[in-house]
Amino acid sequence: MAYTGLNEVEARRAGFHPVSGFVTVQSRATAYPGASPIHIRLVADRPTGRLLGAQMVGKEGAVGRTNVVAACLHRPTPLEELALMDLCYAPPFSPSWDPLHIAAQECLKKF
């Protein structure tokens, strides 16, 4: 499990208008042995599109992906930027579309 930034309740209390997206996807390329589900919730501010936080649960990959979000929170990062960010593709660790990409694209559908 890993968590960074604000969840929806905290974001609302801080004066944001949060929107979130939730996905369950495979942690690795599906053809690579050992892939397992990772559950990701991203939170963003509806008026600005700014990424506000993330919560993740999975057998592998949650901490590293949460660290990517934590780095994005140090400078206001639009959710659209995370959705297209150049992240490493390595089948033992990530599919070609990283779970963060998929989660960000799912969250963007809520705008």
PDB file of N, CA and C in Angstrom:
ATOM      1  N   MET A   1       0.837  -1.179   0.000  1.00  0.00           N
ATOM      2  CA  MET A   1       0.000   0.000   0.000  1.00  0.00           C
ATOM      3  C   MET A   1       0.880   1.240   0.000  1.00  0.00           C
ATOM      4  N   ALA A   2       0.418   2.261  -0.665  1.00  0.00           N
ATOM      5  CA  ALA A   2       1.167   3.517  -0.727  1.00  0.00           C
ATOM      6  C   ALA A   2       0.181   4.668  -0.908  1.00  0.00           C
ATOM      7  N   TYR A   3       0.568   5.826  -0.402  1.00  0.00           N
ATOM      8  CA  TYR A   3      -0.331   6.982  -0.382  1.00  0.00           C
ATOM      9  C   TYR A   3       0.521   8.238  -0.433  1.00  0.00           C
ATOM     10  N   THR A   4       0.107   9.197  -1.218  1.00  0.00           N
ATOM     11  CA  THR A   4       0.771  10.499  -1.220  1.00  0.00           C
ATOM     12  C   THR A   4      -0.255  11.577  -1.548  1.00  0.00           C
ATOM     13  N   GLY A   5       0.000  12.782  -1.056  1.00  0.00           N
ATOM     14  CA  GLY A   5      -0.887  13.904  -1.352  1.00  0.00           C
ATOM     15  C   GLY A   5      -2.196  13.807  -0.605  1.00  0.00           C
ATOM     16  N   LEU A   6      -3.253  14.265  -1.267  1.00  0.00           N
ATOM     17  CA  LEU A   6      -4.578  14.351  -0.653  1.00  0.00           C
ATOM     18  C   LEU A   6      -5.525  13.300  -1.214  1.00  0.00           C
ATOM     19  N   ASN A   7      -6.389  12.774  -0.353  1.00  0.00           N
ATOM     20  CA  ASN A   7      -7.485  11.964  -0.857  1.00  0.00           C
ATOM     21  C   ASN A   7      -8.663  12.907  -1.121  1.00  0.00           C
ATOM     22  N   GLU A   8      -9.794  12.389  -1.559  1.00  0.00           N
ATOM     23  CA  GLU A   8     -10.923  13.260  -1.922  1.00  0.00           C
ATOM     24  C   GLU A   8     -11.451  14.067  -0.735  1.00  0.00           C
ATOM     25  N   VAL A   9     -11.553  13.450   0.422  1.00  0.00           N
ATOM     26  CA  VAL A   9     -12.066  14.149   1.610  1.00  0.00           C
ATOM     27  C   VAL A   9     -11.113  15.265   2.016  1.00  0.00           C
ATOM     28  N   GLU A  10      -9.822  14.965   2.060  1.00  0.00           N
ATOM     29  CA  GLU A  10      -8.823  15.974   2.431  1.00  0.00           C
ATOM     30  C   GLU A  10      -8.792  17.113   1.418  1.00  0.00           C
ATOM     31  N   ALA A  11      -8.918  16.781   0.150  1.00  0.00           N
ATOM     32  CA  ALA A  11      -8.906  17.802  -0.896  1.00  0.00           C
ATOM     33  C   ALA A  11     -10.094  18.750  -0.749  1.00  0.00           C
ATOM     34  N   ARG A  12     -11.258  18.174  -0.479  1.00  0.00           N
ATOM     35  CA  ARG A  12     -12.459  18.999  -0.290  1.00  0.00           C
ATOM     36  C   ARG A  12     -12.275  19.923   0.912  1.00  0.00           C
ATOM     37  N   ARG A  13     -11.742  19.393   2.015  1.00  0.00           N
ATOM     38  CA  ARG A  13     -11.506  20.193   3.218  1.00  0.00           C
ATOM     39  C   ARG A  13     -10.489  21.306   2.970  1.00  0.00           C
ATOM     40  N   ALA A  14      -9.579  21.078   2.032  1.00  0.00           N
ATOM     41  CA  ALA A  14      -8.551  22.072   1.708  1.00  0.00           C
ATOM     42  C   ALA A  14      -9.048  23.112   0.707  1.00  0.00           C
ATOM     43  N   GLY A  15     -10.303  22.995   0.275  1.00  0.00           N
ATOM     44  CA  GLY A  15     -10.873  23.982  -0.620  1.00  0.00           C
ATOM     45  C   GLY A  15     -10.838  23.627  -2.093  1.00  0.00           C
ATOM     46  N   PHE A  16     -10.399  22.423  -2.414  1.00  0.00           N
ATOM     47  CA  PHE A  16     -10.388  21.981  -3.810  1.00  0.00           C
ATOM     48  C   PHE A  16     -11.748  21.381  -4.170  1.00  0.00           C
ATOM     49  N   HIS A  17     -11.957  21.168  -5.458  1.00  0.00           N
ATOM     50  CA  HIS A  17     -13.151  20.499  -5.959  1.00  0.00           C
ATOM     51  C   HIS A  17     -12.676  19.191  -6.592  1.00  0.00           C
ATOM     52  N   PRO A  18     -12.503  18.153  -5.764  1.00  0.00           N
ATOM     53  CA  PRO A  18     -11.839  16.947  -6.250  1.00  0.00           C
ATOM     54  C   PRO A  18     -12.680  16.074  -7.164  1.00  0.00           C
ATOM     55  N   VAL A  19     -11.957  15.404  -8.023  1.00  0.00           N
ATOM     56  CA  VAL A  19     -12.497  14.366  -8.877  1.00  0.00           C
ATOM     57  C   VAL A  19     -11.481  13.227  -8.810  1.00  0.00           C
ATOM     58  N   SER A  20     -11.961  11.988  -8.875  1.00  0.00           N
ATOM     59  CA  SER A  20     -11.009  10.883  -8.799  1.00  0.00           C
ATOM     60  C   SER A  20     -11.321   9.838  -9.854  1.00  0.00           C
ATOM     61  N   GLY A  21     -10.298   9.086 -10.161  1.00  0.00           N
ATOM     62  CA  GLY A  21     -10.431   7.965 -11.072  1.00  0.00           C
ATOM     63  C   GLY A  21      -9.818   6.744 -10.426  1.00  0.00           C
ATOM     64  N   PHE A  22     -10.458   5.598 -10.597  1.00  0.00           N
ATOM     65  CA  PHE A  22      -9.988   4.354  -9.991  1.00  0.00           C
ATOM     66  C   PHE A  22      -9.848   3.297 -11.066  1.00  0.00           C
ATOM     67  N   VAL A  23      -8.708   2.583 -11.053  1.00  0.00           N
ATOM     68  CA  VAL A  23      -8.500   1.474 -11.985  1.00  0.00           C
ATOM     69  C   VAL A  23      -7.845   0.305 -11.254  1.00  0.00           C
ATOM     70  N   THR A  24      -8.062  -0.855 -11.803  1.00  0.00           N
ATOM     71  CA  THR A  24      -7.331  -2.062 -11.404  1.00  0.00           C
ATOM     72  C   THR A  24      -6.733  -2.609 -12.683  1.00  0.00           C
ATOM     73  N   VAL A  25      -5.404  -2.648 -12.733  1.00  0.00           N
ATOM     74  CA  VAL A  25      -4.695  -3.094 -13.928  1.00  0.00           C
ATOM     75  C   VAL A  25      -3.536  -3.996 -13.516  1.00  0.00           C
ATOM     76  N   GLN A  26      -2.903  -4.611 -14.490  1.00  0.00           N
ATOM     77  CA  GLN A  26      -1.769  -5.489 -14.209  1.00  0.00           C
ATOM     78  C   GLN A  26      -0.493  -4.680 -13.978  1.00  0.00           C
ATOM     79  N   SER A  27       0.320  -5.130 -13.045  1.00  0.00           N
ATOM     80  CA  SER A  27       1.542  -4.422 -12.665  1.00  0.00           C
ATOM     81  C   SER A  27       2.650  -4.540 -13.710  1.00  0.00           C
ATOM     82  N   ARG A  28       2.620  -5.571 -14.504  1.00  0.00           N
ATOM     83  CA  ARG A  28       3.650  -5.825 -15.514  1.00  0.00           C
ATOM     84  C   ARG A  28       2.986  -6.061 -16.867  1.00  0.00           C
ATOM     85  N   ALA A  29       3.831  -6.176 -17.878  1.00  0.00           N
ATOM     86  CA  ALA A  29       3.314  -6.594 -19.188  1.00  0.00           C
ATOM     87  C   ALA A  29       2.626  -7.940 -18.995  1.00  0.00           C
ATOM     88  N   THR A  30       1.428  -8.111 -19.520  1.00  0.00           N
ATOM     89  CA  THR A  30       0.650  -9.322 -19.250  1.00  0.00           C
ATOM     90  C   THR A  30       1.323 -10.593 -19.762  1.00  0.00           C
ATOM     91  N   ALA A  31       2.151 -10.490 -20.782  1.00  0.00           N
ATOM     92  CA  ALA A  31       2.849 -11.662 -21.298  1.00  0.00           C
ATOM     93  C   ALA A  31       4.028 -12.063 -20.409  1.00  0.00           C
ATOM     94  N   TYR A  32       4.410 -11.174 -19.502  1.00  0.00           N
ATOM     95  CA  TYR A  32       5.549 -11.463 -18.624  1.00  0.00           C
ATOM     96  C   TYR A  32       5.055 -12.193 -17.377  1.00  0.00           C
ATOM     97  N   PRO A  33       5.719 -13.280 -16.988  1.00  0.00           N
ATOM     98  CA  PRO A  33       5.251 -14.047 -15.825  1.00  0.00           C
ATOM     99  C   PRO A  33       5.238 -13.212 -14.532  1.00  0.00           C
ATOM    100  N   GLY A  34       4.267 -13.500 -13.697  1.00  0.00           N
ATOM    101  CA  GLY A  34       4.221 -12.869 -12.378  1.00  0.00           C
ATOM    102  C   GLY A  34       3.427 -11.586 -12.280  1.00  0.00           C
ATOM    103  N   ALA A  35       2.763 -11.186 -13.356  1.00  0.00           N
ATOM    104  CA  ALA A  35       1.953  -9.966 -13.302  1.00  0.00           C
ATOM    105  C   ALA A  35       0.865 -10.135 -12.242  1.00  0.00           C
ATOM    106  N   SER A  36       0.576  -9.057 -11.525  1.00  0.00           N
ATOM    107  CA  SER A  36      -0.469  -9.093 -10.506  1.00  0.00           C
ATOM    108  C   SER A  36      -1.241  -7.776 -10.531  1.00  0.00           C
ATOM    109  N   PRO A  37      -2.453  -7.767  -9.984  1.00  0.00           N
ATOM    110  CA  PRO A  37      -3.259  -6.545 -10.021  1.00  0.00           C
ATOM    111  C   PRO A  37      -2.681  -5.437  -9.141  1.00  0.00           C
ATOM    112  N   ILE A  38      -2.812  -4.219  -9.615  1.00  0.00           N
ATOM    113  CA  ILE A  38      -2.517  -3.041  -8.816  1.00  0.00           C
ATOM    114  C   ILE A  38      -3.742  -2.129  -8.908  1.00  0.00           C
ATOM    115  N   HIS A  39      -4.176  -1.649  -7.767  1.00  0.00           N
ATOM    116  CA  HIS A  39      -5.371  -0.797  -7.675  1.00  0.00           C
ATOM    117  C   HIS A  39      -4.896   0.630  -7.439  1.00  0.00           C
ATOM    118  N   ILE A  40      -5.339   1.549  -8.283  1.00  0.00           N
ATOM    119  CA  ILE A  40      -4.872   2.937  -8.219  1.00  0.00           C
ATOM    120  C   ILE A  40      -6.054   3.891  -8.205  1.00  0.00           C
ATOM    121  N   ARG A  41      -6.018   4.833  -7.273  1.00  0.00           N
ATOM    122  CA  ARG A  41      -6.971   5.949  -7.262  1.00  0.00           C
ATOM    123  C   ARG A  41      -6.142   7.232  -7.348  1.00  0.00           C
ATOM    124  N   LEU A  42      -6.426   8.044  -8.358  1.00  0.00           N
ATOM    125  CA  LEU A  42      -5.813   9.363  -8.487  1.00  0.00           C
ATOM    126  C   LEU A  42      -6.853  10.419  -8.162  1.00  0.00           C
ATOM    127  N   VAL A  43      -6.403  11.486  -7.526  1.00  0.00           N
ATOM    128  CA  VAL A  43      -7.287  12.598  -7.171  1.00  0.00           C
ATOM    129  C   VAL A  43      -6.749  13.859  -7.825  1.00  0.00           C
ATOM    130  N   ALA A  44      -7.644  14.616  -8.451  1.00  0.00           N
ATOM    131  CA  ALA A  44      -7.258  15.867  -9.114  1.00  0.00           C
ATOM    132  C   ALA A  44      -8.291  16.941  -8.787  1.00  0.00           C
ATOM    133  N   ASP A  45      -7.930  18.176  -9.042  1.00  0.00           N
ATOM    134  CA  ASP A  45      -8.828  19.309  -8.839  1.00  0.00           C
ATOM    135  C   ASP A  45      -9.586  19.567 -10.140  1.00  0.00           C
ATOM    136  N   ARG A  46     -10.921  19.515 -10.078  1.00  0.00           N
ATOM    137  CA  ARG A  46     -11.737  19.648 -11.291  1.00  0.00           C
ATOM    138  C   ARG A  46     -11.508  20.975 -12.032  1.00  0.00           C
ATOM    139  N   PRO A  47     -11.509  22.140 -11.370  1.00  0.00           N
ATOM    140  CA  PRO A  47     -11.362  23.394 -12.125  1.00  0.00           C
ATOM    141  C   PRO A  47     -10.000  23.563 -12.805  1.00  0.00           C
ATOM    142  N   THR A  48      -8.939  23.059 -12.177  1.00  0.00           N
ATOM    143  CA  THR A  48      -7.595  23.303 -12.708  1.00  0.00           C
ATOM    144  C   THR A  48      -6.970  22.096 -13.388  1.00  0.00           C
ATOM    145  N   GLY A  49      -7.474  20.903 -13.104  1.00  0.00           N
ATOM    146  CA  GLY A  49      -6.871  19.690 -13.641  1.00  0.00           C
ATOM    147  C   GLY A  49      -5.612  19.274 -12.915  1.00  0.00           C
ATOM    148  N   ARG A  50      -5.277  19.977 -11.843  1.00  0.00           N
ATOM    149  CA  ARG A  50      -4.047  19.718 -11.089  1.00  0.00           C
ATOM    150  C   ARG A  50      -4.139  18.400 -10.308  1.00  0.00           C
ATOM    151  N   LEU A  51      -3.108  17.590 -10.407  1.00  0.00           N
ATOM    152  CA  LEU A  51      -2.997  16.349  -9.653  1.00  0.00           C
ATOM    153  C   LEU A  51      -2.857  16.686  -8.173  1.00  0.00           C
ATOM    154  N   LEU A  52      -3.637  16.017  -7.311  1.00  0.00           N
ATOM    155  CA  LEU A  52      -3.620  16.302  -5.878  1.00  0.00           C
ATOM    156  C   LEU A  52      -3.143  15.141  -5.022  1.00  0.00           C
ATOM    157  N   GLY A  53      -3.270  13.917  -5.505  1.00  0.00           N
ATOM    158  CA  GLY A  53      -2.848  12.792  -4.680  1.00  0.00           C
ATOM    159  C   GLY A  53      -3.110  11.460  -5.333  1.00  0.00           C
ATOM    160  N   ALA A  54      -2.637  10.401  -4.649  1.00  0.00           N
ATOM    161  CA  ALA A  54      -2.814   9.042  -5.149  1.00  0.00           C
ATOM    162  C   ALA A  54      -2.812   8.065  -3.988  1.00  0.00           C
ATOM    163  N   GLN A  55      -3.588   7.001  -4.168  1.00  0.00           N
ATOM    164  CA  GLN A  55      -3.577   5.874  -3.257  1.00  0.00           C
ATOM    165  C   GLN A  55      -3.462   4.618  -4.115  1.00  0.00           C
ATOM    166  N   MET A  56      -2.568   3.704  -3.682  1.00  0.00           N
ATOM    167  CA  MET A  56      -2.349   2.480  -4.461  1.00  0.00           C
ATOM    168  C   MET A  56      -2.196   1.275  -3.550  1.00  0.00           C
ATOM    169  N   VAL A  57      -2.675   0.144  -4.051  1.00  0.00           N
ATOM    170  CA  VAL A  57      -2.542  -1.133  -3.365  1.00  0.00           C
ATOM    171  C   VAL A  57      -2.181  -2.172  -4.413  1.00  0.00           C
ATOM    172  N   GLY A  58      -1.170  -2.970  -4.119  1.00  0.00           N
ATOM    173  CA  GLY A  58      -0.790  -4.033  -5.039  1.00  0.00           C
ATOM    174  C   GLY A  58       0.341  -4.857  -4.470  1.00  0.00           C
ATOM    175  N   LYS A  59       0.481  -6.052  -4.997  1.00  0.00           N
ATOM    176  CA  LYS A  59       1.550  -6.944  -4.562  1.00  0.00           C
ATOM    177  C   LYS A  59       2.921  -6.367  -4.915  1.00  0.00           C
ATOM    178  N   GLU A  60       2.985  -5.637  -6.030  1.00  0.00           N
ATOM    179  CA  GLU A  60       4.247  -5.015  -6.455  1.00  0.00           C
ATOM    180  C   GLU A  60       3.950  -3.728  -7.211  1.00  0.00           C
ATOM    181  N   GLY A  61       4.878  -2.802  -7.165  1.00  0.00           N
ATOM    182  CA  GLY A  61       4.799  -1.600  -7.991  1.00  0.00           C
ATOM    183  C   GLY A  61       4.090  -0.405  -7.396  1.00  0.00           C
ATOM    184  N   ALA A  62       3.403  -0.566  -6.265  1.00  0.00           N
ATOM    185  CA  ALA A  62       2.646   0.557  -5.709  1.00  0.00           C
ATOM    186  C   ALA A  62       3.569   1.668  -5.208  1.00  0.00           C
ATOM    187  N   VAL A  63       4.621   1.311  -4.507  1.00  0.00           N
ATOM    188  CA  VAL A  63       5.503   2.331  -3.921  1.00  0.00           C
ATOM    189  C   VAL A  63       6.219   3.125  -5.004  1.00  0.00           C
ATOM    190  N   GLY A  64       6.788   2.459  -5.983  1.00  0.00           N
ATOM    191  CA  GLY A  64       7.507   3.168  -7.046  1.00  0.00           C
ATOM    192  C   GLY A  64       6.599   4.110  -7.818  1.00  0.00           C
ATOM    193  N   ARG A  65       5.392   3.669  -8.106  1.00  0.00           N
ATOM    194  CA  ARG A  65       4.461   4.525  -8.847  1.00  0.00           C
ATOM    195  C   ARG A  65       3.974   5.683  -7.981  1.00  0.00           C
ATOM    196  N   THR A  66       3.802   5.439  -6.696  1.00  0.00           N
ATOM    197  CA  THR A  66       3.401   6.517  -5.801  1.00  0.00           C
ATOM    198  C   THR A  66       4.513   7.551  -5.695  1.00  0.00           C
ATOM    199  N   ASN A  67       5.759   7.124  -5.763  1.00  0.00           N
ATOM    200  CA  ASN A  67       6.876   8.069  -5.760  1.00  0.00           C
ATOM    201  C   ASN A  67       6.844   8.979  -6.988  1.00  0.00           C
ATOM    202  N   VAL A  68       6.415   8.457  -8.121  1.00  0.00           N
ATOM    203  CA  VAL A  68       6.272   9.299  -9.321  1.00  0.00           C
ATOM    204  C   VAL A  68       5.244  10.398  -9.051  1.00  0.00           C
ATOM    205  N   VAL A  69       4.111  10.020  -8.466  1.00  0.00           N
ATOM    206  CA  VAL A  69       3.080  11.011  -8.142  1.00  0.00           C
ATOM    207  C   VAL A  69       3.607  12.007  -7.120  1.00  0.00           C
ATOM    208  N   ALA A  70       4.327  11.529  -6.101  1.00  0.00           N
ATOM    209  CA  ALA A  70       4.882  12.429  -5.083  1.00  0.00           C
ATOM    210  C   ALA A  70       5.801  13.473  -5.721  1.00  0.00           C
ATOM    211  N   ALA A  71       6.608  13.061  -6.682  1.00  0.00           N
ATOM    212  CA  ALA A  71       7.479  14.012  -7.386  1.00  0.00           C
ATOM    213  C   ALA A  71       6.642  15.024  -8.169  1.00  0.00           C
ATOM    214  N   CYS A  72       5.558  14.568  -8.772  1.00  0.00           N
ATOM    215  CA  CYS A  72       4.671  15.472  -9.516  1.00  0.00           C
ATOM    216  C   CYS A  72       4.010  16.502  -8.600  1.00  0.00           C
ATOM    217  N   LEU A  73       3.781  16.145  -7.353  1.00  0.00           N
ATOM    218  CA  LEU A  73       3.116  17.055  -6.420  1.00  0.00           C
ATOM    219  C   LEU A  73       4.024  18.199  -5.977  1.00  0.00           C
ATOM    220  N   HIS A  74       5.327  18.066  -6.165  1.00  0.00           N
ATOM    221  CA  HIS A  74       6.255  19.128  -5.764  1.00  0.00           C
ATOM    222  C   HIS A  74       6.185  20.342  -6.671  1.00  0.00           C
ATOM    223  N   ARG A  75       5.647  20.161  -7.831  1.00  0.00           N
ATOM    224  CA  ARG A  75       5.324  21.290  -8.693  1.00  0.00           C
ATOM    225  C   ARG A  75       3.948  20.994  -9.236  1.00  0.00           C
ATOM    226  N   PRO A  76       3.076  21.952  -9.252  1.00  0.00           N
ATOM    227  CA  PRO A  76       1.725  21.641  -9.729  1.00  0.00           C
ATOM    228  C   PRO A  76       1.764  20.984 -11.111  1.00  0.00           C
ATOM    229  N   THR A  77       1.333  19.735 -11.170  1.00  0.00           N
ATOM    230  CA  THR A  77       1.366  18.971 -12.409  1.00  0.00           C
ATOM    231  C   THR A  77      -0.058  18.701 -12.879  1.00  0.00           C
ATOM    232  N   PRO A  78      -0.377  19.101 -14.097  1.00  0.00           N
ATOM    233  CA  PRO A  78      -1.707  18.780 -14.633  1.00  0.00           C
ATOM    234  C   PRO A  78      -1.852  17.269 -14.832  1.00  0.00           C
ATOM    235  N   LEU A  79      -3.028  16.766 -14.572  1.00  0.00           N
ATOM    236  CA  LEU A  79      -3.327  15.356 -14.765  1.00  0.00           C
ATOM    237  C   LEU A  79      -3.029  14.934 -16.202  1.00  0.00           C
ATOM    238  N   GLU A  80      -3.298  15.815 -17.166  1.00  0.00           N
ATOM    239  CA  GLU A  80      -3.013  15.520 -18.576  1.00  0.00           C
ATOM    240  C   GLU A  80      -1.533  15.216 -18.798  1.00  0.00           C
ATOM    241  N   GLU A  81      -0.674  15.907 -18.037  1.00  0.00           N
ATOM    242  CA  GLU A  81       0.760  15.679 -18.175  1.00  0.00           C
ATOM    243  C   GLU A  81       1.130  14.280 -17.679  1.00  0.00           C
ATOM    244  N   LEU A  82       0.562  13.864 -16.559  1.00  0.00           N
ATOM    245  CA  LEU A  82       0.827  12.516 -16.050  1.00  0.00           C
ATOM    246  C   LEU A  82       0.312  11.469 -17.034  1.00  0.00           C
ATOM    247  N   ALA A  83      -0.824  11.723 -17.654  1.00  0.00           N
ATOM    248  CA  ALA A  83      -1.418  10.759 -18.587  1.00  0.00           C
ATOM    249  C   ALA A  83      -0.524  10.475 -19.790  1.00  0.00           C
ATOM    250  N   LEU A  84       0.355  11.411 -20.117  1.00  0.00           N
ATOM    251  CA  LEU A  84       1.230  11.241 -21.289  1.00  0.00           C
ATOM    252  C   LEU A  84       2.713  11.264 -20.939  1.00  0.00           C
ATOM    253  N   MET A  85       3.023  11.247 -19.654  1.00  0.00           N
ATOM    254  CA  MET A  85       4.410  11.321 -19.192  1.00  0.00           C
ATOM    255  C   MET A  85       5.235  10.162 -19.752  1.00  0.00           C
ATOM    256  N   ASP A  86       6.477  10.438 -20.094  1.00  0.00           N
ATOM    257  CA  ASP A  86       7.370   9.416 -20.618  1.00  0.00           C
ATOM    258  C   ASP A  86       7.894   8.586 -19.452  1.00  0.00           C
ATOM    259  N   LEU A  87       7.263   7.442 -19.216  1.00  0.00           N
ATOM    260  CA  LEU A  87       7.677   6.526 -18.154  1.00  0.00           C
ATOM    261  C   LEU A  87       8.339   5.314 -18.785  1.00  0.00           C
ATOM    262  N   CYS A  88       9.240   4.713 -18.062  1.00  0.00           N
ATOM    263  CA  CYS A  88      10.026   3.586 -18.558  1.00  0.00           C
ATOM    264  C   CYS A  88       9.155   2.380 -18.898  1.00  0.00           C
ATOM    265  N   TYR A  89       9.449   1.759 -20.031  1.00  0.00           N
ATOM    266  CA  TYR A  89       8.819   0.496 -20.384  1.00  0.00           C
ATOM    267  C   TYR A  89       9.840  -0.607 -20.196  1.00  0.00           C
ATOM    268  N   ALA A  90       9.557  -1.503 -19.286  1.00  0.00           N
ATOM    269  CA  ALA A  90      10.388  -2.682 -19.057  1.00  0.00           C
ATOM    270  C   ALA A  90       9.432  -3.801 -18.649  1.00  0.00           C
ATOM    271  N   PRO A  91       9.207  -4.788 -19.503  1.00  0.00           N
ATOM    272  CA  PRO A  91       8.196  -5.804 -19.243  1.00  0.00           C
ATOM    273  C   PRO A  91       8.205  -6.429 -17.841  1.00  0.00           C
ATOM    274  N   PRO A  92       9.384  -6.632 -17.207  1.00  0.00           N
ATOM    275  CA  PRO A  92       9.336  -7.215 -15.861  1.00  0.00           C
ATOM    276  C   PRO A  92       8.752  -6.259 -14.813  1.00  0.00           C
ATOM    277  N   PHE A  93       8.644  -4.967 -15.155  1.00  0.00           N
ATOM    278  CA  PHE A  93       8.217  -3.972 -14.173  1.00  0.00           C
ATOM    279  C   PHE A  93       7.005  -3.155 -14.587  1.00  0.00           C
ATOM    280  N   SER A  94       6.745  -3.058 -15.876  1.00  0.00           N
ATOM    281  CA  SER A  94       5.665  -2.193 -16.326  1.00  0.00           C
ATOM    282  C   SER A  94       5.241  -2.550 -17.753  1.00  0.00           C
ATOM    283  N   PRO A  95       3.928  -2.477 -18.029  1.00  0.00           N
ATOM    284  CA  PRO A  95       3.489  -2.635 -19.419  1.00  0.00           C
ATOM    285  C   PRO A  95       3.813  -1.381 -20.225  1.00  0.00           C
ATOM    286  N   SER A  96       3.584  -1.428 -21.537  1.00  0.00           N
ATOM    287  CA  SER A  96       3.918  -0.265 -22.373  1.00  0.00           C
ATOM    288  C   SER A  96       3.133   0.972 -21.944  1.00  0.00           C
ATOM    289  N   TRP A  97       1.864   0.800 -21.590  1.00  0.00           N
ATOM    290  CA  TRP A  97       1.095   1.880 -20.969  1.00  0.00           C
ATOM    291  C   TRP A  97       1.116   1.578 -19.478  1.00  0.00           C
ATOM    292  N   ASP A  98       1.893   2.359 -18.739  1.00  0.00           N
ATOM    293  CA  ASP A  98       2.032   2.134 -17.305  1.00  0.00           C
ATOM    294  C   ASP A  98       0.673   2.274 -16.608  1.00  0.00           C
ATOM    295  N   PRO A  99       0.463   1.566 -15.523  1.00  0.00           N
ATOM    296  CA  PRO A  99      -0.778   1.738 -14.768  1.00  0.00           C
ATOM    297  C   PRO A  99      -1.075   3.193 -14.389  1.00  0.00           C
ATOM    298  N   LEU A 100      -0.045   4.011 -14.185  1.00  0.00           N
ATOM    299  CA  LEU A 100      -0.279   5.432 -13.908  1.00  0.00           C
ATOM    300  C   LEU A 100      -0.906   6.135 -15.108  1.00  0.00           C
ATOM    301  N   HIS A 101      -0.461   5.797 -16.307  1.00  0.00           N
ATOM    302  CA  HIS A 101      -1.065   6.371 -17.514  1.00  0.00           C
ATOM    303  C   HIS A 101      -2.553   6.030 -17.571  1.00  0.00           C
ATOM    304  N   ILE A 102      -2.853   4.761 -17.349  1.00  0.00           N
ATOM    305  CA  ILE A 102      -4.234   4.292 -17.438  1.00  0.00           C
ATOM    306  C   ILE A 102      -5.095   4.968 -16.369  1.00  0.00           C
ATOM    307  N   ALA A 103      -4.568   5.077 -15.151  1.00  0.00           N
ATOM    308  CA  ALA A 103      -5.315   5.727 -14.070  1.00  0.00           C
ATOM    309  C   ALA A 103      -5.560   7.208 -14.379  1.00  0.00           C
ATOM    310  N   ALA A 104      -4.543   7.886 -14.904  1.00  0.00           N
ATOM    311  CA  ALA A 104      -4.698   9.305 -15.238  1.00  0.00           C
ATOM    312  C   ALA A 104      -5.723   9.487 -16.361  1.00  0.00           C
ATOM    313  N   GLN A 105      -5.671   8.625 -17.359  1.00  0.00           N
ATOM    314  CA  GLN A 105      -6.637   8.721 -18.460  1.00  0.00           C
ATOM    315  C   GLN A 105      -8.049   8.444 -17.973  1.00  0.00           C
ATOM    316  N   GLU A 106      -8.206   7.523 -17.032  1.00  0.00           N
ATOM    317  CA  GLU A 106      -9.527   7.234 -16.473  1.00  0.00           C
ATOM    318  C   GLU A 106     -10.046   8.438 -15.684  1.00  0.00           C
ATOM    319  N   CYS A 107      -9.173   9.061 -14.907  1.00  0.00           N
ATOM    320  CA  CYS A 107      -9.563  10.240 -14.130  1.00  0.00           C
ATOM    321  C   CYS A 107      -9.949  11.395 -15.058  1.00  0.00           C
ATOM    322  N   LEU A 108      -9.233  11.547 -16.151  1.00  0.00           N
ATOM    323  CA  LEU A 108      -9.539  12.627 -17.099  1.00  0.00           C
ATOM    324  C   LEU A 108     -10.940  12.494 -17.698  1.00  0.00           C
ATOM    325  N   LYS A 109     -11.462  11.289 -17.756  1.00  0.00           N
ATOM    326  CA  LYS A 109     -12.820  11.077 -18.282  1.00  0.00           C
ATOM    327  C   LYS A 109     -13.864  11.741 -17.401  1.00  0.00           C
ATOM    328  N   LYS A 110     -13.519  12.062 -16.147  1.00  0.00           N
ATOM    329  CA  LYS A 110     -14.464  12.649 -15.209  1.00  0.00           C
ATOM    330  C   LYS A 110     -14.579  14.167 -15.368  1.00  0.00           C
ATOM    331  N   PHE A 111     -13.724  14.754 -16.221  1.00  0.00           N
ATOM    332  CA  PHE A 111     -13.741  16.210 -16.396  1.00  0.00           C
ATOM    333  C   PHE A 111     -14.747  16.616 -17.438  1.00  0.00           C
TER     334      PHE A 111
END
